PDB file of N, CA and C in Angstrom:
ATOM      1  N   UNK A   1      92.649  66.437   6.988  1.00  0.00           N
ATOM      2  CA  UNK A   1      92.276  65.500   5.943  1.00  0.00           C
ATOM      3  C   UNK A   1      93.560  65.100   5.201  1.00  0.00           C
ATOM      4  N   UNK A   2      93.752  63.803   4.995  1.00  0.00           N
ATOM      5  CA  UNK A   2      94.986  63.374   4.362  1.00  0.00           C
ATOM      6  C   UNK A   2      94.947  63.602   2.845  1.00  0.00           C
ATOM      7  N   UNK A   3      96.126  63.607   2.251  1.00  0.00           N
ATOM      8  CA  UNK A   3      96.250  63.908   0.826  1.00  0.00           C
ATOM      9  C   UNK A   3      95.520  62.894  -0.047  1.00  0.00           C
ATOM     10  N   UNK A   4      95.509  61.641   0.347  1.00  0.00           N
ATOM     11  CA  UNK A   4      94.832  60.598  -0.448  1.00  0.00           C
ATOM     12  C   UNK A   4      93.328  60.852  -0.493  1.00  0.00           C
ATOM     13  N   UNK A   5      92.733  61.224   0.646  1.00  0.00           N
ATOM     14  CA  UNK A   5      91.308  61.518   0.670  1.00  0.00           C
ATOM     15  C   UNK A   5      91.002  62.748  -0.176  1.00  0.00           C
ATOM     16  N   UNK A   6      91.849  63.762  -0.105  1.00  0.00           N
ATOM     17  CA  UNK A   6      91.661  64.949  -0.952  1.00  0.00           C
ATOM     18  C   UNK A   6      91.680  64.560  -2.429  1.00  0.00           C
ATOM     19  N   UNK A   7      92.602  63.703  -2.773  1.00  0.00           N
ATOM     20  CA  UNK A   7      92.731  63.233  -4.154  1.00  0.00           C
ATOM     21  C   UNK A   7      91.477  62.465  -4.591  1.00  0.00           C
ATOM     22  N   UNK A   8      90.978  61.608  -3.718  1.00  0.00           N
ATOM     23  CA  UNK A   8      89.773  60.833  -4.018  1.00  0.00           C
ATOM     24  C   UNK A   8      88.543  61.737  -4.133  1.00  0.00           C
ATOM     25  N   UNK A   9      88.456  62.748  -3.268  1.00  0.00           N
ATOM     26  CA  UNK A   9      87.341  63.688  -3.343  1.00  0.00           C
ATOM     27  C   UNK A   9      87.381  64.474  -4.653  1.00  0.00           C
ATOM     28  N   UNK A  10      88.573  64.881  -5.060  1.00  0.00           N
ATOM     29  CA  UNK A  10      88.725  65.594  -6.327  1.00  0.00           C
ATOM     30  C   UNK A  10      88.303  64.698  -7.491  1.00  0.00           C
ATOM     31  N   UNK A  11      88.681  63.445  -7.442  1.00  0.00           N
ATOM     32  CA  UNK A  11      88.298  62.496  -8.481  1.00  0.00           C
ATOM     33  C   UNK A  11      86.780  62.321  -8.531  1.00  0.00           C
ATOM     34  N   UNK A  12      86.140  62.255  -7.373  1.00  0.00           N
ATOM     35  CA  UNK A  12      84.686  62.156  -7.322  1.00  0.00           C
ATOM     36  C   UNK A  12      84.044  63.388  -7.953  1.00  0.00           C
ATOM     37  N   UNK A  13      84.534  64.553  -7.603  1.00  0.00           N
ATOM     38  CA  UNK A  13      84.019  65.795  -8.195  1.00  0.00           C
ATOM     39  C   UNK A  13      84.189  65.814  -9.694  1.00  0.00           C
ATOM     40  N   UNK A  14      85.348  65.398 -10.169  1.00  0.00           N
ATOM     41  CA  UNK A  14      85.593  65.341 -11.611  1.00  0.00           C
ATOM     42  C   UNK A  14      84.648  64.362 -12.294  1.00  0.00           C
ATOM     43  N   UNK A  15      84.413  63.210 -11.663  1.00  0.00           N
ATOM     44  CA  UNK A  15      83.523  62.203 -12.248  1.00  0.00           C
ATOM     45  C   UNK A  15      82.092  62.725 -12.338  1.00  0.00           C
ATOM     46  N   UNK A  16      81.630  63.415 -11.295  1.00  0.00           N
ATOM     47  CA  UNK A  16      80.277  63.982 -11.317  1.00  0.00           C
ATOM     48  C   UNK A  16      80.178  65.043 -12.399  1.00  0.00           C
ATOM     49  N   UNK A  17      81.145  65.932 -12.457  1.00  0.00           N
ATOM     50  CA  UNK A  17      81.156  66.993 -13.468  1.00  0.00           C
ATOM     51  C   UNK A  17      81.181  66.418 -14.875  1.00  0.00           C
ATOM     52  N   UNK A  18      82.004  65.411 -15.087  1.00  0.00           N
ATOM     53  CA  UNK A  18      82.112  64.791 -16.410  1.00  0.00           C
ATOM     54  C   UNK A  18      80.809  64.102 -16.808  1.00  0.00           C
ATOM     55  N   UNK A  19      80.174  63.430 -15.856  1.00  0.00           N
ATOM     56  CA  UNK A  19      78.927  62.742 -16.190  1.00  0.00           C
ATOM     57  C   UNK A  19      77.833  63.745 -16.540  1.00  0.00           C
ATOM     58  N   UNK A  20      77.799  64.890 -15.868  1.00  0.00           N
ATOM     59  CA  UNK A  20      76.828  65.929 -16.212  1.00  0.00           C
ATOM     60  C   UNK A  20      77.148  66.539 -17.573  1.00  0.00           C
ATOM     61  N   UNK A  21      78.428  66.780 -17.822  1.00  0.00           N
ATOM     62  CA  UNK A  21      78.835  67.379 -19.097  1.00  0.00           C
ATOM     63  C   UNK A  21      78.549  66.464 -20.280  1.00  0.00           C
ATOM     64  N   UNK A  22      78.648  65.160 -20.061  1.00  0.00           N
ATOM     65  CA  UNK A  22      78.452  64.195 -21.144  1.00  0.00           C
ATOM     66  C   UNK A  22      76.993  63.778 -21.320  1.00  0.00           C
ATOM     67  N   UNK A  23      76.110  64.301 -20.502  1.00  0.00           N
ATOM     68  CA  UNK A  23      74.715  63.893 -20.556  1.00  0.00           C
ATOM     69  C   UNK A  23      73.997  64.524 -21.752  1.00  0.00           C
ATOM     70  N   UNK A  24      73.542  63.688 -22.670  1.00  0.00           N
ATOM     71  CA  UNK A  24      72.786  64.189 -23.826  1.00  0.00           C
ATOM     72  C   UNK A  24      71.473  64.823 -23.383  1.00  0.00           C
ATOM     73  N   UNK A  25      70.877  64.275 -22.357  1.00  0.00           N
ATOM     74  CA  UNK A  25      69.597  64.790 -21.862  1.00  0.00           C
ATOM     75  C   UNK A  25      69.759  66.205 -21.294  1.00  0.00           C
ATOM     76  N   UNK A  26      70.814  66.411 -20.503  1.00  0.00           N
ATOM     77  CA  UNK A  26      71.073  67.736 -19.947  1.00  0.00           C
ATOM     78  C   UNK A  26      71.422  68.714 -21.065  1.00  0.00           C
ATOM     79  N   UNK A  27      72.255  68.282 -21.996  1.00  0.00           N
ATOM     80  CA  UNK A  27      72.630  69.149 -23.124  1.00  0.00           C
ATOM     81  C   UNK A  27      71.408  69.552 -23.940  1.00  0.00           C
ATOM     82  N   UNK A  28      70.490  68.615 -24.149  1.00  0.00           N
ATOM     83  CA  UNK A  28      69.279  68.918 -24.920  1.00  0.00           C
ATOM     84  C   UNK A  28      68.402  69.923 -24.183  1.00  0.00           C
ATOM     85  N   UNK A  29      68.240  69.739 -22.882  1.00  0.00           N
ATOM     86  CA  UNK A  29      67.419  70.657 -22.091  1.00  0.00           C
ATOM     87  C   UNK A  29      68.027  72.054 -22.086  1.00  0.00           C
ATOM     88  N   UNK A  30      69.331  72.143 -21.907  1.00  0.00           N
ATOM     89  CA  UNK A  30      70.009  73.438 -21.921  1.00  0.00           C
ATOM     90  C   UNK A  30      69.908  74.066 -23.306  1.00  0.00           C
ATOM     91  N   UNK A  31      70.047  73.256 -24.350  1.00  0.00           N
ATOM     92  CA  UNK A  31      69.923  73.760 -25.716  1.00  0.00           C
ATOM     93  C   UNK A  31      68.552  74.353 -25.986  1.00  0.00           C
ATOM     94  N   UNK A  32      67.520  73.707 -25.484  1.00  0.00           N
ATOM     95  CA  UNK A  32      66.155  74.223 -25.668  1.00  0.00           C
ATOM     96  C   UNK A  32      65.966  75.550 -24.943  1.00  0.00           C
ATOM     97  N   UNK A  33      66.515  75.644 -23.757  1.00  0.00           N
ATOM     98  CA  UNK A  33      66.409  76.895 -23.001  1.00  0.00           C
ATOM     99  C   UNK A  33      67.150  78.007 -23.730  1.00  0.00           C
ATOM    100  N   UNK A  34      68.346  77.709 -24.214  1.00  0.00           N
ATOM    101  CA  UNK A  34      69.125  78.711 -24.953  1.00  0.00           C
ATOM    102  C   UNK A  34      68.419  79.133 -26.236  1.00  0.00           C
ATOM    103  N   UNK A  35      67.820  78.170 -26.926  1.00  0.00           N
ATOM    104  CA  UNK A  35      67.133  78.518 -28.175  1.00  0.00           C
ATOM    105  C   UNK A  35      65.875  79.342 -27.916  1.00  0.00           C
ATOM    106  N   UNK A  36      65.406  79.350 -26.675  1.00  0.00           N
ATOM    107  CA  UNK A  36      64.271  80.181 -26.295  1.00  0.00           C
ATOM    108  C   UNK A  36      64.711  81.581 -25.890  1.00  0.00           C
ATOM    109  N   UNK A  37      66.020  81.846 -25.989  1.00  0.00           N
ATOM    110  CA  UNK A  37      66.527  83.187 -25.724  1.00  0.00           C
ATOM    111  C   UNK A  37      67.040  83.422 -24.316  1.00  0.00           C
ATOM    112  N   UNK A  38      67.306  82.372 -23.580  1.00  0.00           N
ATOM    113  CA  UNK A  38      67.777  82.520 -22.205  1.00  0.00           C
ATOM    114  C   UNK A  38      69.223  82.064 -22.081  1.00  0.00           C
ATOM    115  N   UNK A  39      69.961  82.735 -21.208  1.00  0.00           N
ATOM    116  CA  UNK A  39      71.274  82.241 -20.815  1.00  0.00           C
ATOM    117  C   UNK A  39      71.052  81.215 -19.713  1.00  0.00           C
ATOM    118  N   UNK A  40      71.910  80.224 -19.655  1.00  0.00           N
ATOM    119  CA  UNK A  40      71.726  79.146 -18.696  1.00  0.00           C
ATOM    120  C   UNK A  40      72.954  79.042 -17.797  1.00  0.00           C
ATOM    121  N   UNK A  41      72.700  78.917 -16.505  1.00  0.00           N
ATOM    122  CA  UNK A  41      73.762  78.558 -15.578  1.00  0.00           C
ATOM    123  C   UNK A  41      73.203  77.500 -14.653  1.00  0.00           C
ATOM    124  N   UNK A  42      74.021  76.554 -14.317  1.00  0.00           N
ATOM    125  CA  UNK A  42      73.589  75.428 -13.507  1.00  0.00           C
ATOM    126  C   UNK A  42      74.503  75.319 -12.299  1.00  0.00           C
ATOM    127  N   UNK A  43      73.912  75.374 -11.122  1.00  0.00           N
ATOM    128  CA  UNK A  43      74.668  75.223  -9.885  1.00  0.00           C
ATOM    129  C   UNK A  43      74.043  74.079  -9.109  1.00  0.00           C
ATOM    130  N   UNK A  44      74.814  73.065  -8.841  1.00  0.00           N
ATOM    131  CA  UNK A  44      74.359  71.929  -8.052  1.00  0.00           C
ATOM    132  C   UNK A  44      75.170  71.885  -6.771  1.00  0.00           C
ATOM    133  N   UNK A  45      74.504  71.523  -5.705  1.00  0.00           N
ATOM    134  CA  UNK A  45      75.194  71.412  -4.431  1.00  0.00           C
ATOM    135  C   UNK A  45      74.949  70.019  -3.866  1.00  0.00           C
ATOM    136  N   UNK A  46      76.007  69.384  -3.462  1.00  0.00           N
ATOM    137  CA  UNK A  46      75.890  68.064  -2.851  1.00  0.00           C
ATOM    138  C   UNK A  46      76.712  68.065  -1.570  1.00  0.00           C
ATOM    139  N   UNK A  47      76.189  67.429  -0.570  1.00  0.00           N
ATOM    140  CA  UNK A  47      76.934  67.242   0.664  1.00  0.00           C
ATOM    141  C   UNK A  47      77.338  65.778   0.727  1.00  0.00           C
ATOM    142  N   UNK A  48      78.617  65.543   0.781  1.00  0.00           N
ATOM    143  CA  UNK A  48      79.129  64.179   0.826  1.00  0.00           C
ATOM    144  C   UNK A  48      79.909  64.033   2.110  1.00  0.00           C
ATOM    145  N   UNK A  49      79.502  63.085   2.938  1.00  0.00           N
ATOM    146  CA  UNK A  49      80.164  62.888   4.218  1.00  0.00           C
ATOM    147  C   UNK A  49      81.114  61.708   4.176  1.00  0.00           C
ATOM    148  N   UNK A  50      82.180  61.812   4.951  1.00  0.00           N
ATOM    149  CA  UNK A  50      83.157  60.735   5.063  1.00  0.00           C
ATOM    150  C   UNK A  50      83.364  60.434   6.533  1.00  0.00           C
ATOM    151  N   UNK A  51      83.348  59.161   6.868  1.00  0.00           N
ATOM    152  CA  UNK A  51      83.668  58.715   8.218  1.00  0.00           C
ATOM    153  C   UNK A  51      84.756  57.669   8.111  1.00  0.00           C
ATOM    154  N   UNK A  52      85.800  57.847   8.842  1.00  0.00           N
ATOM    155  CA  UNK A  52      86.883  56.863   8.862  1.00  0.00           C
ATOM    156  C   UNK A  52      86.395  55.632   9.597  1.00  0.00           C
ATOM    157  N   UNK A  53      86.478  54.471   8.947  1.00  0.00           N
ATOM    158  CA  UNK A  53      86.080  53.222   9.599  1.00  0.00           C
ATOM    159  C   UNK A  53      87.173  52.793  10.568  1.00  0.00           C
ATOM    160  N   UNK A  54      86.755  52.119  11.617  1.00  0.00           N
ATOM    161  CA  UNK A  54      87.706  51.562  12.577  1.00  0.00           C
ATOM    162  C   UNK A  54      87.623  50.045  12.512  1.00  0.00           C
ATOM    163  N   UNK A  55      88.522  49.378  13.186  1.00  0.00           N
ATOM    164  CA  UNK A  55      88.522  47.909  13.191  1.00  0.00           C
ATOM    165  C   UNK A  55      87.244  47.355  13.802  1.00  0.00           C
ATOM    166  N   UNK A  56      86.567  48.130  14.646  1.00  0.00           N
ATOM    167  CA  UNK A  56      85.353  47.652  15.297  1.00  0.00           C
ATOM    168  C   UNK A  56      84.121  47.763  14.406  1.00  0.00           C
ATOM    169  N   UNK A  57      84.266  48.309  13.210  1.00  0.00           N
ATOM    170  CA  UNK A  57      83.133  48.441  12.288  1.00  0.00           C
ATOM    171  C   UNK A  57      82.961  47.166  11.469  1.00  0.00           C
ATOM    172  N   UNK A  58      82.748  46.047  12.156  1.00  0.00           N
ATOM    173  CA  UNK A  58      82.650  44.743  11.500  1.00  0.00           C
ATOM    174  C   UNK A  58      81.433  44.612  10.610  1.00  0.00           C
ATOM    175  N   UNK A  59      80.346  45.305  10.937  1.00  0.00           N
ATOM    176  CA  UNK A  59      79.120  45.151  10.155  1.00  0.00           C
ATOM    177  C   UNK A  59      79.094  46.026   8.910  1.00  0.00           C
ATOM    178  N   UNK A  60      80.093  46.880   8.709  1.00  0.00           N
ATOM    179  CA  UNK A  60      80.146  47.721   7.518  1.00  0.00           C
ATOM    180  C   UNK A  60      80.609  46.913   6.317  1.00  0.00           C
ATOM    181  N   UNK A  61      80.217  47.354   5.150  1.00  0.00           N
ATOM    182  CA  UNK A  61      80.664  46.746   3.898  1.00  0.00           C
ATOM    183  C   UNK A  61      82.066  47.256   3.603  1.00  0.00           C
ATOM    184  N   UNK A  62      83.060  46.403   3.751  1.00  0.00           N
ATOM    185  CA  UNK A  62      84.437  46.841   3.567  1.00  0.00           C
ATOM    186  C   UNK A  62      84.841  46.944   2.105  1.00  0.00           C
ATOM    187  N   UNK A  63      83.981  46.528   1.177  1.00  0.00           N
ATOM    188  CA  UNK A  63      84.336  46.597  -0.241  1.00  0.00           C
ATOM    189  C   UNK A  63      84.229  48.001  -0.791  1.00  0.00           C
ATOM    190  N   UNK A  64      83.575  48.920  -0.059  1.00  0.00           N
ATOM    191  CA  UNK A  64      83.433  50.279  -0.541  1.00  0.00           C
ATOM    192  C   UNK A  64      82.335  50.431  -1.577  1.00  0.00           C
ATOM    193  N   UNK A  65      81.547  49.376  -1.792  1.00  0.00           N
ATOM    194  CA  UNK A  65      80.515  49.437  -2.826  1.00  0.00           C
ATOM    195  C   UNK A  65      79.135  49.735  -2.257  1.00  0.00           C
ATOM    196  N   UNK A  66      79.075  50.180  -1.014  1.00  0.00           N
ATOM    197  CA  UNK A  66      77.790  50.512  -0.398  1.00  0.00           C
ATOM    198  C   UNK A  66      77.203  51.774  -0.994  1.00  0.00           C
ATOM    199  N   UNK A  67      75.968  52.088  -0.619  1.00  0.00           N
ATOM    200  CA  UNK A  67      75.305  53.262  -1.185  1.00  0.00           C
ATOM    201  C   UNK A  67      75.961  54.557  -0.720  1.00  0.00           C
ATOM    202  N   UNK A  68      75.872  55.572  -1.560  1.00  0.00           N
ATOM    203  CA  UNK A  68      76.340  56.907  -1.224  1.00  0.00           C
ATOM    204  C   UNK A  68      75.113  57.722  -0.872  1.00  0.00           C
ATOM    205  N   UNK A  69      75.121  58.382   0.266  1.00  0.00           N
ATOM    206  CA  UNK A  69      73.981  59.161   0.710  1.00  0.00           C
ATOM    207  C   UNK A  69      74.276  60.644   0.544  1.00  0.00           C
ATOM    208  N   UNK A  70      73.341  61.360  -0.062  1.00  0.00           N
ATOM    209  CA  UNK A  70      73.449  62.796  -0.210  1.00  0.00           C
ATOM    210  C   UNK A  70      72.421  63.434   0.711  1.00  0.00           C
ATOM    211  N   UNK A  71      72.821  64.466   1.399  1.00  0.00           N
ATOM    212  CA  UNK A  71      71.914  65.155   2.303  1.00  0.00           C
ATOM    213  C   UNK A  71      71.618  66.537   1.751  1.00  0.00           C
ATOM    214  N   UNK A  72      70.351  66.906   1.776  1.00  0.00           N
ATOM    215  CA  UNK A  72      69.947  68.247   1.367  1.00  0.00           C
ATOM    216  C   UNK A  72      69.655  69.066   2.611  1.00  0.00           C
ATOM    217  N   UNK A  73      69.847  70.355   2.531  1.00  0.00           N
ATOM    218  CA  UNK A  73      69.516  71.178   3.689  1.00  0.00           C
ATOM    219  C   UNK A  73      68.015  71.157   3.956  1.00  0.00           C
ATOM    220  N   UNK A  74      67.625  71.423   5.193  1.00  0.00           N
ATOM    221  CA  UNK A  74      66.211  71.428   5.547  1.00  0.00           C
ATOM    222  C   UNK A  74      65.443  72.509   4.802  1.00  0.00           C
ATOM    223  N   UNK A  75      66.041  73.648   4.624  1.00  0.00           N
ATOM    224  CA  UNK A  75      65.394  74.769   3.941  1.00  0.00           C
ATOM    225  C   UNK A  75      66.233  75.163   2.734  1.00  0.00           C
ATOM    226  N   UNK A  76      65.562  75.466   1.650  1.00  0.00           N
ATOM    227  CA  UNK A  76      66.225  75.943   0.444  1.00  0.00           C
ATOM    228  C   UNK A  76      65.965  77.440   0.346  1.00  0.00           C
ATOM    229  N   UNK A  77      66.991  78.205   0.087  1.00  0.00           N
ATOM    230  CA  UNK A  77      66.829  79.645  -0.071  1.00  0.00           C
ATOM    231  C   UNK A  77      66.739  79.960  -1.560  1.00  0.00           C
ATOM    232  N   UNK A  78      65.548  80.297  -2.016  1.00  0.00           N
ATOM    233  CA  UNK A  78      65.323  80.614  -3.420  1.00  0.00           C
ATOM    234  C   UNK A  78      65.523  82.104  -3.655  1.00  0.00           C
ATOM    235  N   UNK A  79      66.250  82.448  -4.685  1.00  0.00           N
ATOM    236  CA  UNK A  79      66.346  83.847  -5.083  1.00  0.00           C
ATOM    237  C   UNK A  79      65.228  84.125  -6.075  1.00  0.00           C
ATOM    238  N   UNK A  80      65.013  85.379  -6.394  1.00  0.00           N
ATOM    239  CA  UNK A  80      63.984  85.706  -7.378  1.00  0.00           C
ATOM    240  C   UNK A  80      64.356  85.114  -8.739  1.00  0.00           C
ATOM    241  N   UNK A  81      65.654  85.044  -9.040  1.00  0.00           N
ATOM    242  CA  UNK A  81      66.092  84.423 -10.298  1.00  0.00           C
ATOM    243  C   UNK A  81      65.760  82.939 -10.311  1.00  0.00           C
ATOM    244  N   UNK A  82      65.942  82.276  -9.172  1.00  0.00           N
ATOM    245  CA  UNK A  82      65.604  80.859  -9.079  1.00  0.00           C
ATOM    246  C   UNK A  82      64.127  80.646  -9.387  1.00  0.00           C
ATOM    247  N   UNK A  83      63.282  81.470  -8.754  1.00  0.00           N
ATOM    248  CA  UNK A  83      61.842  81.331  -8.954  1.00  0.00           C
ATOM    249  C   UNK A  83      61.450  81.585 -10.408  1.00  0.00           C
ATOM    250  N   UNK A  84      62.034  82.608 -11.023  1.00  0.00           N
ATOM    251  CA  UNK A  84      61.738  82.903 -12.434  1.00  0.00           C
ATOM    252  C   UNK A  84      62.157  81.733 -13.321  1.00  0.00           C
ATOM    253  N   UNK A  85      63.322  81.191 -13.040  1.00  0.00           N
ATOM    254  CA  UNK A  85      63.824  80.078 -13.832  1.00  0.00           C
ATOM    255  C   UNK A  85      62.911  78.861 -13.715  1.00  0.00           C
ATOM    256  N   UNK A  86      62.531  78.536 -12.490  1.00  0.00           N
ATOM    257  CA  UNK A  86      61.659  77.381 -12.287  1.00  0.00           C
ATOM    258  C   UNK A  86      60.289  77.601 -12.915  1.00  0.00           C
ATOM    259  N   UNK A  87      59.761  78.808 -12.803  1.00  0.00           N
ATOM    260  CA  UNK A  87      58.474  79.109 -13.436  1.00  0.00           C
ATOM    261  C   UNK A  87      58.569  78.986 -14.950  1.00  0.00           C
ATOM    262  N   UNK A  88      59.699  79.406 -15.528  1.00  0.00           N
ATOM    263  CA  UNK A  88      59.898  79.282 -16.970  1.00  0.00           C
ATOM    264  C   UNK A  88      59.892  77.822 -17.400  1.00  0.00           C
ATOM    265  N   UNK A  89      60.327  76.951 -16.505  1.00  0.00           N
ATOM    266  CA  UNK A  89      60.326  75.516 -16.783  1.00  0.00           C
ATOM    267  C   UNK A  89      59.007  74.865 -16.361  1.00  0.00           C
ATOM    268  N   UNK A  90      58.073  75.700 -15.894  1.00  0.00           N
ATOM    269  CA  UNK A  90      56.765  75.243 -15.430  1.00  0.00           C
ATOM    270  C   UNK A  90      56.896  74.290 -14.240  1.00  0.00           C
ATOM    271  N   UNK A  91      57.793  74.681 -13.340  1.00  0.00           N
ATOM    272  CA  UNK A  91      57.993  73.934 -12.102  1.00  0.00           C
ATOM    273  C   UNK A  91      57.469  74.797 -10.965  1.00  0.00           C
ATOM    274  N   UNK A  92      56.511  74.262 -10.221  1.00  0.00           N
ATOM    275  CA  UNK A  92      55.932  75.003  -9.106  1.00  0.00           C
ATOM    276  C   UNK A  92      56.835  74.887  -7.879  1.00  0.00           C
ATOM    277  N   UNK A  93      56.910  75.963  -7.134  1.00  0.00           N
ATOM    278  CA  UNK A  93      57.698  75.973  -5.912  1.00  0.00           C
ATOM    279  C   UNK A  93      56.749  76.014  -4.735  1.00  0.00           C
ATOM    280  N   UNK A  94      56.848  75.038  -3.871  1.00  0.00           N
ATOM    281  CA  UNK A  94      56.014  74.976  -2.679  1.00  0.00           C
ATOM    282  C   UNK A  94      56.406  76.138  -1.770  1.00  0.00           C
ATOM    283  N   UNK A  95      55.429  76.900  -1.326  1.00  0.00           N
ATOM    284  CA  UNK A  95      55.696  78.075  -0.495  1.00  0.00           C
ATOM    285  C   UNK A  95      56.431  77.696   0.792  1.00  0.00           C
ATOM    286  N   UNK A  96      56.182  76.499   1.336  1.00  0.00           N
ATOM    287  CA  UNK A  96      56.847  76.075   2.553  1.00  0.00           C
ATOM    288  C   UNK A  96      58.329  75.813   2.321  1.00  0.00           C
ATOM    289  N   UNK A  97      58.727  75.543   1.079  1.00  0.00           N
ATOM    290  CA  UNK A  97      60.115  75.231   0.776  1.00  0.00           C
ATOM    291  C   UNK A  97      60.995  76.481   0.716  1.00  0.00           C
ATOM    292  N   UNK A  98      60.387  77.654   0.645  1.00  0.00           N
ATOM    293  CA  UNK A  98      61.169  78.889   0.493  1.00  0.00           C
ATOM    294  C   UNK A  98      61.901  79.239   1.740  1.00  0.00           C
TER     295      UNK A  98
END
């Protein structure tokens, strides 16, 4: 992977982190959880793929403004802490998703 792509990936990560940190909605939700007596940790996982375009990719949008696709794994591995946390938020976990 070339240095420029590494730099761009780091910038993307920083932008995502900054947007989450600056979110009033996320801060309010975390504040409510903390005021209920819980410690909060947030782990997000995103898979971002990169494909080098070639000259033959005429039908691609060369402006770079096309959609970004995130892929989730087929199966999510829930820990007991995950389940407790989701239940505390009154979020049901589908048994097939475990």
